[in-house]
Amino acid sequence: MRSYQIAIVDDDIQIREIVEAYLQKEGYRTVSLSSAEEAWELWKSDPPDMWILDIMLPGMSGFDFCRHIRKEAEVPIIMISARDEEVDKILGLELGSDDYLTKPFSPRELVARVKRLFYRFSSYMQLSEPHGASPSRNNEIRISELRLSLKERRVFWKEEEVEMTLKEFNLLQTLVEEPNRAFARDELLTLVWGDNYFGSDRAVDDLVKRLRRKLNELPIETVWGHGYRLRMEDRVE
């Protein structure tokens, strides 16, 4: 069985030591870091399989670090904070964290959430495409200037490759498979994040914003009070 590596980023050494002890007891490998700057260096050299990330850090905040990581990958992130404000939880989820715990918390509860996230993500990564999507005969979809290689999970716009995270690719494929269809936010949450996702549907809005930035000529329309659709007239598979 694979031994996952988890990075704990917190400026409180006692919290790091306690969390490390409980995670190591469960067989996980751990890395202890006191700042987001140190964490970013780790990400570039030896990226972990999960981040346990404090919000209030010296220098770069946990929110900013989460935002940077989400531009790179869909690695699981659990945010922890002494602040129990709903706005902090919502912001953390919107920025891409997968769970949120308020200090003081039970280390056993944290371990349980870590196990749940790894189970969910390992199952999710085994899926070759979003739920409900029908595969193209040629493992490729072309629509206007957009080309999706399903087998390689690569995206091209006007034959220039556009880097995509796992969720960005799955959301784009979901929209492209059924152009002009209006998808509700709740439906997109299920299709892209899975049935067990417990975060805010605002995560969909954030993911759409990221797609629009990367493919600013692609007509992803907002269906007010409902969700989103890809407005396209032509499609070639």
Protein backbone atom coordinates (compact mmCIF):
# COMPACT_ATOMS: atom_id res chain seq x y z
CA MET A 1 0.00 0.00 0.00
CA ARG A 2 1.28 3.44 -0.90
CA SER A 3 2.46 5.63 2.00
CA TYR A 4 1.09 9.12 1.42
CA GLN A 5 3.15 12.17 2.34
CA ILE A 6 1.33 14.99 4.15
CA ALA A 7 2.71 18.49 4.70
CA ILE A 8 1.62 20.31 7.87
CA VAL A 9 2.00 24.08 7.56
CA ASP A 10 1.50 25.92 10.85
CA ASP A 11 3.59 28.43 12.78
CA ASP A 12 2.66 26.71 16.06
CA ILE A 13 5.26 23.98 16.60
CA GLN A 14 3.14 22.19 19.23
CA ILE A 15 0.25 21.77 16.80
CA ARG A 16 2.62 20.49 14.14
CA GLU A 17 4.17 17.95 16.51
CA ILE A 18 0.79 16.65 17.73
CA VAL A 19 -0.62 16.37 14.19
CA GLU A 20 2.55 14.67 12.97
CA ALA A 21 2.45 12.13 15.80
CA TYR A 22 -1.14 11.12 15.04
CA LEU A 23 -0.60 10.95 11.28
CA GLN A 24 2.63 8.95 11.58
CA LYS A 25 0.86 6.50 13.88
CA GLU A 26 -1.55 5.85 10.98
CA GLY A 27 1.36 5.17 8.61
CA TYR A 28 1.53 8.52 6.82
CA ARG A 29 4.81 10.27 6.08
CA THR A 30 4.88 13.89 7.23
CA VAL A 31 6.74 17.12 6.59
CA SER A 32 6.54 19.95 9.13
CA LEU A 33 6.73 23.58 7.91
CA SER A 34 6.28 26.89 9.68
CA SER A 35 5.49 29.19 6.73
CA ALA A 36 3.87 29.27 3.32
CA GLU A 37 7.18 30.32 1.81
CA GLU A 38 8.81 27.10 3.03
CA ALA A 39 5.78 25.18 1.77
CA TRP A 40 6.12 26.71 -1.69
CA GLU A 41 9.75 25.57 -1.88
CA LEU A 42 8.61 22.06 -0.92
CA TRP A 43 5.93 22.18 -3.62
CA LYS A 44 8.55 22.95 -6.26
CA SER A 45 11.00 20.27 -5.10
CA ASP A 46 8.98 17.40 -3.60
CA PRO A 47 5.21 18.06 -3.69
CA PRO A 48 3.26 16.21 -0.98
CA ASP A 49 0.05 14.25 -1.48
CA MET A 50 -1.93 16.50 0.87
CA TRP A 51 -1.63 19.85 2.66
CA ILE A 52 -2.84 20.60 6.18
CA LEU A 53 -2.70 24.36 6.09
CA ASP A 54 -3.13 27.02 8.74
CA ILE A 55 -4.76 30.25 7.55
CA MET A 56 -2.91 32.71 9.79
CA LEU A 57 0.75 32.34 8.83
CA PRO A 58 3.66 34.78 8.96
CA GLY A 59 4.27 36.29 5.53
CA MET A 60 2.08 34.67 2.88
CA SER A 61 -1.29 33.64 4.33
CA GLY A 62 -2.83 30.21 4.03
CA PHE A 63 -5.49 31.68 1.75
CA ASP A 64 -2.87 33.02 -0.66
CA PHE A 65 -0.92 29.77 -0.60
CA CYS A 66 -4.09 27.78 -1.33
CA ARG A 67 -4.80 30.08 -4.27
CA HIS A 68 -1.31 29.49 -5.69
CA ILE A 69 -1.53 25.72 -5.29
CA ARG A 70 -4.93 25.57 -6.99
CA LYS A 71 -3.40 27.16 -10.07
CA GLU A 72 -1.04 24.20 -10.23
CA ALA A 73 -2.92 21.08 -9.15
CA GLU A 74 -5.90 19.48 -7.39
CA VAL A 75 -3.95 18.06 -4.44
CA PRO A 76 -6.16 17.69 -1.32
CA ILE A 77 -6.05 20.64 1.10
CA ILE A 78 -7.43 20.81 4.64
CA MET A 79 -7.45 24.30 6.14
CA ILE A 80 -7.22 24.84 9.89
CA SER A 81 -7.79 28.10 11.75
CA ALA A 82 -8.47 29.57 15.18
CA ARG A 83 -11.09 31.75 13.53
CA ASP A 84 -14.59 30.26 13.50
CA GLU A 85 -16.12 32.80 11.13
CA GLU A 86 -18.40 31.47 8.41
CA VAL A 87 -16.86 33.88 5.90
CA ASP A 88 -13.44 32.27 6.45
CA LYS A 89 -14.85 28.80 5.82
CA ILE A 90 -16.61 29.94 2.66
CA LEU A 91 -13.53 31.76 1.38
CA GLY A 92 -11.35 28.74 2.04
CA LEU A 93 -13.72 26.49 0.08
CA GLU A 94 -14.03 29.01 -2.73
CA LEU A 95 -10.25 29.18 -3.04
CA GLY A 96 -10.15 25.42 -3.41
CA SER A 97 -9.67 23.84 0.02
CA ASP A 98 -11.46 20.51 0.47
CA ASP A 99 -12.16 20.73 4.18
CA TYR A 100 -11.95 23.20 7.08
CA LEU A 101 -11.31 22.59 10.77
CA THR A 102 -11.52 25.14 13.58
CA LYS A 103 -8.94 25.15 16.39
CA PRO A 104 -8.94 23.58 18.90
CA PHE A 105 -9.78 20.35 17.08
CA SER A 106 -9.50 16.67 17.88
CA PRO A 107 -6.43 15.09 16.21
CA ARG A 108 -8.50 11.93 15.77
CA GLU A 109 -11.13 13.89 13.86
CA LEU A 110 -8.40 15.35 11.65
CA VAL A 111 -7.04 11.86 10.92
CA ALA A 112 -10.55 10.68 10.04
CA ARG A 113 -10.96 13.58 7.61
CA VAL A 114 -7.55 12.89 6.08
CA LYS A 115 -8.54 9.27 5.45
CA ARG A 116 -11.86 10.33 3.96
CA LEU A 117 -10.19 12.81 1.60
CA PHE A 118 -7.59 10.32 0.41
CA TYR A 119 -10.30 7.73 -0.21
CA ARG A 120 -12.40 10.22 -2.15
CA PHE A 121 -9.51 11.56 -4.19
CA SER A 122 -8.08 8.15 -5.04
CA SER A 123 -11.50 7.05 -6.28
CA TYR A 124 -11.91 10.32 -8.16
CA MET A 125 -8.51 10.11 -9.87
CA GLN A 126 -9.39 6.66 -11.21
CA LEU A 127 -12.23 8.14 -13.21
CA SER A 128 -11.14 8.84 -16.76
CA GLU A 129 -13.89 11.40 -17.32
CA PRO A 130 -16.80 13.09 -15.50
CA HIS A 131 -19.94 11.18 -14.49
CA GLY A 132 -22.52 11.10 -17.20
CA ALA A 133 -20.18 12.08 -20.03
CA SER A 134 -20.21 9.91 -23.13
CA PRO A 135 -16.79 9.25 -24.60
CA SER A 136 -15.95 10.42 -28.09
CA ARG A 137 -15.35 7.71 -30.66
CA ASN A 138 -11.87 9.07 -31.33
CA ASN A 139 -11.00 10.02 -27.75
CA GLU A 140 -10.99 13.60 -28.97
CA ILE A 141 -13.53 16.39 -29.05
CA ARG A 142 -13.32 19.40 -31.36
CA ILE A 143 -15.63 22.35 -30.99
CA SER A 144 -14.86 25.63 -32.74
CA GLU A 145 -11.17 26.39 -32.00
CA LEU A 146 -11.15 24.08 -28.98
CA ARG A 147 -9.74 20.55 -28.96
CA LEU A 148 -9.85 18.15 -26.02
CA SER A 149 -7.74 15.01 -26.02
CA LEU A 150 -9.65 12.73 -23.64
CA LYS A 151 -7.06 9.98 -23.49
CA GLU A 152 -4.19 12.35 -22.71
CA ARG A 153 -6.38 14.84 -20.80
CA ARG A 154 -4.93 17.78 -22.72
CA VAL A 155 -6.62 20.95 -23.95
CA PHE A 156 -5.73 22.95 -27.05
CA TRP A 157 -7.10 26.34 -28.12
CA LYS A 158 -6.21 27.33 -31.68
CA GLU A 159 -3.70 24.46 -31.52
CA GLU A 160 -1.89 26.05 -28.57
CA GLU A 161 -1.90 23.85 -25.47
CA VAL A 162 -3.60 25.28 -22.37
CA GLU A 163 -2.57 23.83 -19.01
CA MET A 164 -5.53 22.51 -17.00
CA THR A 165 -5.95 21.08 -13.53
CA LEU A 166 -8.02 17.91 -13.11
CA LYS A 167 -11.20 19.72 -12.08
CA GLU A 168 -10.80 22.39 -14.77
CA PHE A 169 -10.51 19.66 -17.40
CA ASN A 170 -13.51 17.75 -16.07
CA LEU A 171 -15.71 20.84 -15.91
CA LEU A 172 -14.70 21.84 -19.43
CA GLN A 173 -15.39 18.34 -20.76
CA THR A 174 -18.78 18.30 -19.03
CA LEU A 175 -19.78 21.55 -20.74
CA VAL A 176 -18.32 20.57 -24.11
CA GLU A 177 -20.04 17.17 -24.18
CA GLU A 178 -23.43 18.91 -24.14
CA PRO A 179 -23.03 22.38 -25.67
CA ASN A 180 -25.90 24.84 -25.17
CA ARG A 181 -27.28 22.84 -22.26
CA ALA A 182 -27.81 24.82 -19.04
CA PHE A 183 -26.21 23.00 -16.09
CA ALA A 184 -27.32 23.85 -12.56
CA ARG A 185 -24.56 24.59 -10.04
CA ASP A 186 -25.61 21.65 -7.85
CA GLU A 187 -25.46 19.36 -10.86
CA LEU A 188 -21.96 20.54 -11.75
CA LEU A 189 -20.85 19.97 -8.17
CA THR A 190 -21.94 16.34 -8.42
CA LEU A 191 -20.49 15.81 -11.90
CA VAL A 192 -17.10 17.39 -11.20
CA TRP A 193 -16.55 17.02 -7.43
CA GLY A 194 -18.51 13.82 -6.82
CA ASP A 195 -21.52 12.81 -4.72
CA ASN A 196 -19.71 13.22 -1.40
CA TYR A 197 -18.59 16.81 -1.86
CA PHE A 198 -19.57 18.85 1.20
CA GLY A 199 -18.43 22.37 0.23
CA SER A 200 -20.19 25.44 -1.12
CA ASP A 201 -21.57 25.58 -4.65
CA ARG A 202 -19.55 28.77 -5.00
CA ALA A 203 -16.67 26.45 -5.79
CA VAL A 204 -18.32 26.08 -9.22
CA ASP A 205 -18.22 29.85 -9.74
CA ASP A 206 -14.52 29.91 -8.87
CA LEU A 207 -13.74 27.06 -11.27
CA VAL A 208 -15.67 28.77 -14.08
CA LYS A 209 -13.69 31.98 -13.46
CA ARG A 210 -10.48 30.00 -13.82
CA LEU A 211 -11.66 28.47 -17.10
CA ARG A 212 -12.69 31.86 -18.43
CA ARG A 213 -9.26 33.29 -17.63
CA LYS A 214 -7.52 30.46 -19.45
CA LEU A 215 -9.96 30.34 -22.39
CA ASN A 216 -11.19 33.92 -22.53
CA GLU A 217 -12.66 33.56 -26.03
CA LEU A 218 -14.73 30.50 -25.13
CA PRO A 219 -18.40 31.51 -24.64
CA ILE A 220 -19.17 30.06 -21.19
CA GLU A 221 -22.40 31.84 -20.30
CA THR A 222 -23.91 32.45 -16.90
CA VAL A 223 -27.52 31.28 -16.65
CA TRP A 224 -28.71 33.65 -13.95
CA GLY A 225 -30.19 31.95 -10.91
CA HIS A 226 -29.31 28.52 -12.31
CA GLY A 227 -25.76 27.82 -13.45
CA TYR A 228 -23.73 27.78 -16.67
CA ARG A 229 -23.72 26.62 -20.28
CA LEU A 230 -21.31 26.58 -23.18
CA ARG A 231 -22.93 28.48 -26.04
CA MET A 232 -21.75 26.85 -29.26
CA GLU A 233 -23.29 26.31 -32.66
CA ASP A 234 -20.78 23.93 -34.20
CA ARG A 235 -19.20 20.77 -32.88
CA VAL A 236 -16.99 18.24 -34.59
CA GLU A 237 -15.89 14.99 -32.92
